[in-house]
Amino acid sequence: MKWAFYVFVALYAIALVLLAIGTFGWFGQERDPLSAVFLLPLGLPWNILADKAGLDGPLAAILSPAINAAILYWLWKR
């Protein structure tokens, strides 16, 4: 579980960096409205639950993978 947690957190960090680069246009990159697409599969099923609860928006998409990371951390330490 330790490796699963580390890999997931690394993918989450990479997706957050790609979101920032695409949103703010860093490094000469054009602004891209689909820059958060890599966060969506990392945050399933919490993205869907947040959408059904009416909590749509960028904050729900950014924080939902953190729930999965917390679950992986809990399974690792258990």
PDB file of N, CA and C in Angstrom:
ATOM      1  N   MET A   1       0.816  -1.192   0.000  1.00  0.00           N
ATOM      2  CA  MET A   1       0.000   0.000   0.000  1.00  0.00           C
ATOM      3  C   MET A   1       0.861   1.258   0.000  1.00  0.00           C
ATOM      4  N   LYS A   2       2.061   1.124   0.534  1.00  0.00           N
ATOM      5  CA  LYS A   2       2.938   2.286   0.572  1.00  0.00           C
ATOM      6  C   LYS A   2       3.243   2.774  -0.834  1.00  0.00           C
ATOM      7  N   TRP A   3       3.543   1.848  -1.729  1.00  0.00           N
ATOM      8  CA  TRP A   3       3.864   2.245  -3.104  1.00  0.00           C
ATOM      9  C   TRP A   3       2.650   2.773  -3.837  1.00  0.00           C
ATOM     10  N   ALA A   4       1.502   2.201  -3.582  1.00  0.00           N
ATOM     11  CA  ALA A   4       0.274   2.706  -4.209  1.00  0.00           C
ATOM     12  C   ALA A   4       0.003   4.139  -3.769  1.00  0.00           C
ATOM     13  N   PHE A   5       0.224   4.412  -2.484  1.00  0.00           N
ATOM     14  CA  PHE A   5       0.033   5.764  -1.973  1.00  0.00           C
ATOM     15  C   PHE A   5       1.028   6.734  -2.610  1.00  0.00           C
ATOM     16  N   TYR A   6       2.288   6.345  -2.684  1.00  0.00           N
ATOM     17  CA  TYR A   6       3.310   7.223  -3.264  1.00  0.00           C
ATOM     18  C   TYR A   6       3.057   7.493  -4.746  1.00  0.00           C
ATOM     19  N   VAL A   7       2.669   6.457  -5.482  1.00  0.00           N
ATOM     20  CA  VAL A   7       2.384   6.639  -6.910  1.00  0.00           C
ATOM     21  C   VAL A   7       1.169   7.542  -7.094  1.00  0.00           C
ATOM     22  N   PHE A   8       0.142   7.336  -6.284  1.00  0.00           N
ATOM     23  CA  PHE A   8      -1.056   8.161  -6.395  1.00  0.00           C
ATOM     24  C   PHE A   8      -0.759   9.618  -6.072  1.00  0.00           C
ATOM     25  N   VAL A   9       0.005   9.862  -5.023  1.00  0.00           N
ATOM     26  CA  VAL A   9       0.345  11.245  -4.658  1.00  0.00           C
ATOM     27  C   VAL A   9       1.216  11.887  -5.743  1.00  0.00           C
ATOM     28  N   ALA A  10       2.111  11.123  -6.350  1.00  0.00           N
ATOM     29  CA  ALA A  10       2.932  11.670  -7.436  1.00  0.00           C
ATOM     30  C   ALA A  10       2.061  12.029  -8.646  1.00  0.00           C
ATOM     31  N   LEU A  11       1.121  11.163  -8.997  1.00  0.00           N
ATOM     32  CA  LEU A  11       0.216  11.466 -10.104  1.00  0.00           C
ATOM     33  C   LEU A  11      -0.667  12.664  -9.787  1.00  0.00           C
ATOM     34  N   TYR A  12      -1.084  12.778  -8.540  1.00  0.00           N
ATOM     35  CA  TYR A  12      -1.902  13.914  -8.101  1.00  0.00           C
ATOM     36  C   TYR A  12      -1.104  15.211  -8.212  1.00  0.00           C
ATOM     37  N   ALA A  13       0.160  15.181  -7.796  1.00  0.00           N
ATOM     38  CA  ALA A  13       1.004  16.377  -7.892  1.00  0.00           C
ATOM     39  C   ALA A  13       1.244  16.767  -9.352  1.00  0.00           C
ATOM     40  N   ILE A  14       1.485  15.789 -10.195  1.00  0.00           N
ATOM     41  CA  ILE A  14       1.684  16.078 -11.622  1.00  0.00           C
ATOM     42  C   ILE A  14       0.422  16.674 -12.231  1.00  0.00           C
ATOM     43  N   ALA A  15      -0.733  16.127 -11.870  1.00  0.00           N
ATOM     44  CA  ALA A  15      -2.001  16.656 -12.401  1.00  0.00           C
ATOM     45  C   ALA A  15      -2.238  18.082 -11.913  1.00  0.00           C
ATOM     46  N   LEU A  16      -1.865  18.390 -10.664  1.00  0.00           N
ATOM     47  CA  LEU A  16      -2.024  19.754 -10.160  1.00  0.00           C
ATOM     48  C   LEU A  16      -1.091  20.729 -10.877  1.00  0.00           C
ATOM     49  N   VAL A  17       0.125  20.289 -11.165  1.00  0.00           N
ATOM     50  CA  VAL A  17       1.061  21.141 -11.902  1.00  0.00           C
ATOM     51  C   VAL A  17       0.554  21.384 -13.323  1.00  0.00           C
ATOM     52  N   LEU A  18       0.046  20.348 -13.971  1.00  0.00           N
ATOM     53  CA  LEU A  18      -0.510  20.520 -15.312  1.00  0.00           C
ATOM     54  C   LEU A  18      -1.740  21.419 -15.297  1.00  0.00           C
ATOM     55  N   LEU A  19      -2.516  21.356 -14.240  1.00  0.00           N
ATOM     56  CA  LEU A  19      -3.659  22.259 -14.101  1.00  0.00           C
ATOM     57  C   LEU A  19      -3.192  23.699 -13.988  1.00  0.00           C
ATOM     58  N   ALA A  20      -2.188  23.942 -13.171  1.00  0.00           N
ATOM     59  CA  ALA A  20      -1.681  25.304 -13.011  1.00  0.00           C
ATOM     60  C   ALA A  20      -1.061  25.826 -14.305  1.00  0.00           C
ATOM     61  N   ILE A  21      -0.314  24.994 -14.996  1.00  0.00           N
ATOM     62  CA  ILE A  21       0.312  25.419 -16.250  1.00  0.00           C
ATOM     63  C   ILE A  21      -0.754  25.741 -17.298  1.00  0.00           C
ATOM     64  N   GLY A  22      -1.769  24.901 -17.403  1.00  0.00           N
ATOM     65  CA  GLY A  22      -2.805  25.132 -18.398  1.00  0.00           C
ATOM     66  C   GLY A  22      -3.744  26.266 -18.045  1.00  0.00           C
ATOM     67  N   THR A  23      -3.976  26.476 -16.763  1.00  0.00           N
ATOM     68  CA  THR A  23      -4.905  27.528 -16.345  1.00  0.00           C
ATOM     69  C   THR A  23      -4.282  28.909 -16.440  1.00  0.00           C
ATOM     70  N   PHE A  24      -3.053  29.029 -15.983  1.00  0.00           N
ATOM     71  CA  PHE A  24      -2.414  30.341 -15.925  1.00  0.00           C
ATOM     72  C   PHE A  24      -1.520  30.632 -17.121  1.00  0.00           C
ATOM     73  N   GLY A  25      -1.307  29.670 -17.994  1.00  0.00           N
ATOM     74  CA  GLY A  25      -0.502  29.888 -19.182  1.00  0.00           C
ATOM     75  C   GLY A  25       0.983  30.017 -18.899  1.00  0.00           C
ATOM     76  N   TRP A  26       1.464  29.284 -17.912  1.00  0.00           N
ATOM     77  CA  TRP A  26       2.886  29.339 -17.567  1.00  0.00           C
ATOM     78  C   TRP A  26       3.730  28.704 -18.667  1.00  0.00           C
ATOM     79  N   PHE A  27       5.001  29.086 -18.728  1.00  0.00           N
ATOM     80  CA  PHE A  27       5.994  28.537 -19.654  1.00  0.00           C
ATOM     81  C   PHE A  27       5.600  28.724 -21.115  1.00  0.00           C
ATOM     82  N   GLY A  28       4.883  29.788 -21.415  1.00  0.00           N
ATOM     83  CA  GLY A  28       4.500  30.075 -22.786  1.00  0.00           C
ATOM     84  C   GLY A  28       3.378  29.208 -23.316  1.00  0.00           C
ATOM     85  N   GLN A  29       2.765  28.440 -22.449  1.00  0.00           N
ATOM     86  CA  GLN A  29       1.668  27.569 -22.853  1.00  0.00           C
ATOM     87  C   GLN A  29       0.386  28.384 -22.997  1.00  0.00           C
ATOM     88  N   GLU A  30      -0.416  28.066 -23.997  1.00  0.00           N
ATOM     89  CA  GLU A  30      -1.697  28.743 -24.137  1.00  0.00           C
ATOM     90  C   GLU A  30      -2.644  28.283 -23.039  1.00  0.00           C
ATOM     91  N   ARG A  31      -3.567  29.159 -22.650  1.00  0.00           N
ATOM     92  CA  ARG A  31      -4.551  28.802 -21.631  1.00  0.00           C
ATOM     93  C   ARG A  31      -5.487  27.733 -22.196  1.00  0.00           C
ATOM     94  N   ASP A  32      -5.688  26.682 -21.414  1.00  0.00           N
ATOM     95  CA  ASP A  32      -6.457  25.542 -21.877  1.00  0.00           C
ATOM     96  C   ASP A  32      -7.583  25.255 -20.889  1.00  0.00           C
ATOM     97  N   PRO A  33      -8.831  25.294 -21.330  1.00  0.00           N
ATOM     98  CA  PRO A  33      -9.931  25.014 -20.404  1.00  0.00           C
ATOM     99  C   PRO A  33     -10.014  23.543 -19.983  1.00  0.00           C
ATOM    100  N   LEU A  34      -9.325  22.670 -20.690  1.00  0.00           N
ATOM    101  CA  LEU A  34      -9.349  21.249 -20.345  1.00  0.00           C
ATOM    102  C   LEU A  34      -8.117  20.812 -19.563  1.00  0.00           C
ATOM    103  N   SER A  35      -7.472  21.729 -18.882  1.00  0.00           N
ATOM    104  CA  SER A  35      -6.248  21.374 -18.178  1.00  0.00           C
ATOM    105  C   SER A  35      -6.505  20.544 -16.924  1.00  0.00           C
ATOM    106  N   ALA A  36      -7.743  20.496 -16.444  1.00  0.00           N
ATOM    107  CA  ALA A  36      -8.061  19.707 -15.254  1.00  0.00           C
ATOM    108  C   ALA A  36      -8.506  18.290 -15.589  1.00  0.00           C
ATOM    109  N   VAL A  37      -8.379  17.902 -16.837  1.00  0.00           N
ATOM    110  CA  VAL A  37      -8.885  16.596 -17.247  1.00  0.00           C
ATOM    111  C   VAL A  37      -8.129  15.459 -16.558  1.00  0.00           C
ATOM    112  N   PHE A  38      -6.902  15.662 -16.154  1.00  0.00           N
ATOM    113  CA  PHE A  38      -6.145  14.603 -15.493  1.00  0.00           C
ATOM    114  C   PHE A  38      -6.535  14.438 -14.030  1.00  0.00           C
ATOM    115  N   LEU A  39      -7.187  15.444 -13.451  1.00  0.00           N
ATOM    116  CA  LEU A  39      -7.655  15.320 -12.070  1.00  0.00           C
ATOM    117  C   LEU A  39      -8.935  14.499 -11.961  1.00  0.00           C
ATOM    118  N   LEU A  40      -9.714  14.466 -13.017  1.00  0.00           N
ATOM    119  CA  LEU A  40     -11.012  13.795 -12.948  1.00  0.00           C
ATOM    120  C   LEU A  40     -10.913  12.300 -12.648  1.00  0.00           C
ATOM    121  N   PRO A  41     -10.099  11.519 -13.350  1.00  0.00           N
ATOM    122  CA  PRO A  41     -10.059  10.092 -13.013  1.00  0.00           C
ATOM    123  C   PRO A  41      -9.413   9.822 -11.657  1.00  0.00           C
ATOM    124  N   LEU A  42      -8.565  10.710 -11.189  1.00  0.00           N
ATOM    125  CA  LEU A  42      -7.952  10.508  -9.878  1.00  0.00           C
ATOM    126  C   LEU A  42      -8.941  10.750  -8.750  1.00  0.00           C
ATOM    127  N   GLY A  43      -9.980  11.526  -9.021  1.00  0.00           N
ATOM    128  CA  GLY A  43     -10.938  11.863  -7.975  1.00  0.00           C
ATOM    129  C   GLY A  43     -12.219  11.062  -7.994  1.00  0.00           C
ATOM    130  N   LEU A  44     -12.313  10.090  -8.880  1.00  0.00           N
ATOM    131  CA  LEU A  44     -13.531   9.272  -8.899  1.00  0.00           C
ATOM    132  C   LEU A  44     -13.607   8.412  -7.656  1.00  0.00           C
ATOM    133  N   PRO A  45     -14.713   8.162  -7.099  1.00  0.00           N
ATOM    134  CA  PRO A  45     -16.100   8.510  -7.379  1.00  0.00           C
ATOM    135  C   PRO A  45     -16.540   9.820  -6.733  1.00  0.00           C
ATOM    136  N   TRP A  46     -15.638  10.503  -6.066  1.00  0.00           N
ATOM    137  CA  TRP A  46     -16.017  11.705  -5.304  1.00  0.00           C
ATOM    138  C   TRP A  46     -16.402  12.855  -6.222  1.00  0.00           C
ATOM    139  N   ASN A  47     -15.859  12.898  -7.434  1.00  0.00           N
ATOM    140  CA  ASN A  47     -16.273  13.923  -8.402  1.00  0.00           C
ATOM    141  C   ASN A  47     -17.750  13.776  -8.748  1.00  0.00           C
ATOM    142  N   ILE A  48     -18.166  12.555  -8.966  1.00  0.00           N
ATOM    143  CA  ILE A  48     -19.563  12.307  -9.326  1.00  0.00           C
ATOM    144  C   ILE A  48     -20.485  12.632  -8.155  1.00  0.00           C
ATOM    145  N   LEU A  49     -20.091  12.231  -6.947  1.00  0.00           N
ATOM    146  CA  LEU A  49     -20.912  12.523  -5.775  1.00  0.00           C
ATOM    147  C   LEU A  49     -21.005  14.024  -5.511  1.00  0.00           C
ATOM    148  N   ALA A  50     -19.909  14.743  -5.694  1.00  0.00           N
ATOM    149  CA  ALA A  50     -19.934  16.193  -5.501  1.00  0.00           C
ATOM    150  C   ALA A  50     -20.816  16.863  -6.548  1.00  0.00           C
ATOM    151  N   ASP A  51     -20.782  16.361  -7.761  1.00  0.00           N
ATOM    152  CA  ASP A  51     -21.625  16.926  -8.814  1.00  0.00           C
ATOM    153  C   ASP A  51     -23.101  16.693  -8.524  1.00  0.00           C
ATOM    154  N   LYS A  52     -23.442  15.505  -8.057  1.00  0.00           N
ATOM    155  CA  LYS A  52     -24.844  15.200  -7.739  1.00  0.00           C
ATOM    156  C   LYS A  52     -25.317  15.983  -6.519  1.00  0.00           C
ATOM    157  N   ALA A  53     -24.401  16.339  -5.609  1.00  0.00           N
ATOM    158  CA  ALA A  53     -24.760  17.106  -4.417  1.00  0.00           C
ATOM    159  C   ALA A  53     -24.813  18.600  -4.703  1.00  0.00           C
ATOM    160  N   GLY A  54     -24.456  18.998  -5.903  1.00  0.00           N
ATOM    161  CA  GLY A  54     -24.491  20.412  -6.260  1.00  0.00           C
ATOM    162  C   GLY A  54     -23.231  21.164  -5.880  1.00  0.00           C
ATOM    163  N   LEU A  55     -22.164  20.453  -5.618  1.00  0.00           N
ATOM    164  CA  LEU A  55     -20.892  21.074  -5.231  1.00  0.00           C
ATOM    165  C   LEU A  55     -19.936  21.135  -6.408  1.00  0.00           C
ATOM    166  N   ASP A  56     -20.456  21.436  -7.574  1.00  0.00           N
ATOM    167  CA  ASP A  56     -19.596  21.492  -8.745  1.00  0.00           C
ATOM    168  C   ASP A  56     -18.719  22.736  -8.684  1.00  0.00           C
ATOM    169  N   GLY A  57     -17.641  22.682  -9.387  1.00  0.00           N
ATOM    170  CA  GLY A  57     -16.715  23.799  -9.420  1.00  0.00           C
ATOM    171  C   GLY A  57     -15.293  23.313  -9.360  1.00  0.00           C
ATOM    172  N   PRO A  58     -14.358  24.239  -9.472  1.00  0.00           N
ATOM    173  CA  PRO A  58     -12.955  23.820  -9.508  1.00  0.00           C
ATOM    174  C   PRO A  58     -12.457  23.276  -8.170  1.00  0.00           C
ATOM    175  N   LEU A  59     -12.986  23.770  -7.079  1.00  0.00           N
ATOM    176  CA  LEU A  59     -12.503  23.306  -5.779  1.00  0.00           C
ATOM    177  C   LEU A  59     -12.852  21.838  -5.541  1.00  0.00           C
ATOM    178  N   ALA A  60     -14.028  21.418  -5.957  1.00  0.00           N
ATOM    179  CA  ALA A  60     -14.416  20.007  -5.811  1.00  0.00           C
ATOM    180  C   ALA A  60     -13.535  19.112  -6.672  1.00  0.00           C
ATOM    181  N   ALA A  61     -13.192  19.562  -7.861  1.00  0.00           N
ATOM    182  CA  ALA A  61     -12.341  18.759  -8.744  1.00  0.00           C
ATOM    183  C   ALA A  61     -10.911  18.683  -8.224  1.00  0.00           C
ATOM    184  N   ILE A  62     -10.457  19.741  -7.576  1.00  0.00           N
ATOM    185  CA  ILE A  62      -9.088  19.757  -7.065  1.00  0.00           C
ATOM    186  C   ILE A  62      -8.960  18.944  -5.782  1.00  0.00           C
ATOM    187  N   LEU A  63      -9.974  18.979  -4.918  1.00  0.00           N
ATOM    188  CA  LEU A  63      -9.870  18.316  -3.620  1.00  0.00           C
ATOM    189  C   LEU A  63     -10.349  16.868  -3.604  1.00  0.00           C
ATOM    190  N   SER A  64     -11.098  16.441  -4.592  1.00  0.00           N
ATOM    191  CA  SER A  64     -11.608  15.068  -4.571  1.00  0.00           C
ATOM    192  C   SER A  64     -10.506  14.005  -4.659  1.00  0.00           C
ATOM    193  N   PRO A  65      -9.411  14.199  -5.395  1.00  0.00           N
ATOM    194  CA  PRO A  65      -8.337  13.196  -5.325  1.00  0.00           C
ATOM    195  C   PRO A  65      -7.668  13.134  -3.952  1.00  0.00           C
ATOM    196  N   ALA A  66      -7.754  14.201  -3.188  1.00  0.00           N
ATOM    197  CA  ALA A  66      -7.182  14.181  -1.845  1.00  0.00           C
ATOM    198  C   ALA A  66      -7.928  13.204  -0.948  1.00  0.00           C
ATOM    199  N   ILE A  67      -9.209  13.005  -1.195  1.00  0.00           N
ATOM    200  CA  ILE A  67      -9.973  12.019  -0.422  1.00  0.00           C
ATOM    201  C   ILE A  67      -9.450  10.617  -0.718  1.00  0.00           C
ATOM    202  N   ASN A  68      -9.195  10.334  -1.991  1.00  0.00           N
ATOM    203  CA  ASN A  68      -8.641   9.025  -2.344  1.00  0.00           C
ATOM    204  C   ASN A  68      -7.240   8.843  -1.778  1.00  0.00           C
ATOM    205  N   ALA A  69      -6.461   9.906  -1.745  1.00  0.00           N
ATOM    206  CA  ALA A  69      -5.123   9.823  -1.146  1.00  0.00           C
ATOM    207  C   ALA A  69      -5.225   9.549   0.349  1.00  0.00           C
ATOM    208  N   ALA A  70      -6.189  10.168   1.005  1.00  0.00           N
ATOM    209  CA  ALA A  70      -6.379   9.918   2.439  1.00  0.00           C
ATOM    210  C   ALA A  70      -6.815   8.481   2.696  1.00  0.00           C
ATOM    211  N   ILE A  71      -7.653   7.938   1.824  1.00  0.00           N
ATOM    212  CA  ILE A  71      -8.075   6.542   1.975  1.00  0.00           C
ATOM    213  C   ILE A  71      -6.892   5.602   1.771  1.00  0.00           C
ATOM    214  N   LEU A  72      -6.071   5.870   0.765  1.00  0.00           N
ATOM    215  CA  LEU A  72      -4.877   5.042   0.558  1.00  0.00           C
ATOM    216  C   LEU A  72      -3.910   5.146   1.732  1.00  0.00           C
ATOM    217  N   TYR A  73      -3.771   6.332   2.302  1.00  0.00           N
ATOM    218  CA  TYR A  73      -2.895   6.507   3.466  1.00  0.00           C
ATOM    219  C   TYR A  73      -3.442   5.731   4.657  1.00  0.00           C
ATOM    220  N   TRP A  74      -4.758   5.774   4.853  1.00  0.00           N
ATOM    221  CA  TRP A  74      -5.376   5.048   5.949  1.00  0.00           C
ATOM    222  C   TRP A  74      -5.177   3.536   5.776  1.00  0.00           C
ATOM    223  N   LEU A  75      -5.346   3.044   4.554  1.00  0.00           N
ATOM    224  CA  LEU A  75      -5.128   1.610   4.301  1.00  0.00           C
ATOM    225  C   LEU A  75      -3.671   1.216   4.509  1.00  0.00           C
ATOM    226  N   TRP A  76      -2.755   2.113   4.183  1.00  0.00           N
ATOM    227  CA  TRP A  76      -1.340   1.816   4.380  1.00  0.00           C
ATOM    228  C   TRP A  76      -1.001   1.745   5.858  1.00  0.00           C
ATOM    229  N   LYS A  77      -1.512   2.654   6.644  1.00  0.00           N
ATOM    230  CA  LYS A  77      -1.170   2.695   8.077  1.00  0.00           C
ATOM    231  C   LYS A  77      -1.983   1.733   8.922  1.00  0.00           C
ATOM    232  N   ARG A  78      -2.988   1.139   8.369  1.00  0.00           N
ATOM    233  CA  ARG A  78      -3.852   0.218   9.112  1.00  0.00           C
ATOM    234  C   ARG A  78      -3.216  -1.087   9.340  1.00  0.00           C
TER     235      ARG A  78
END
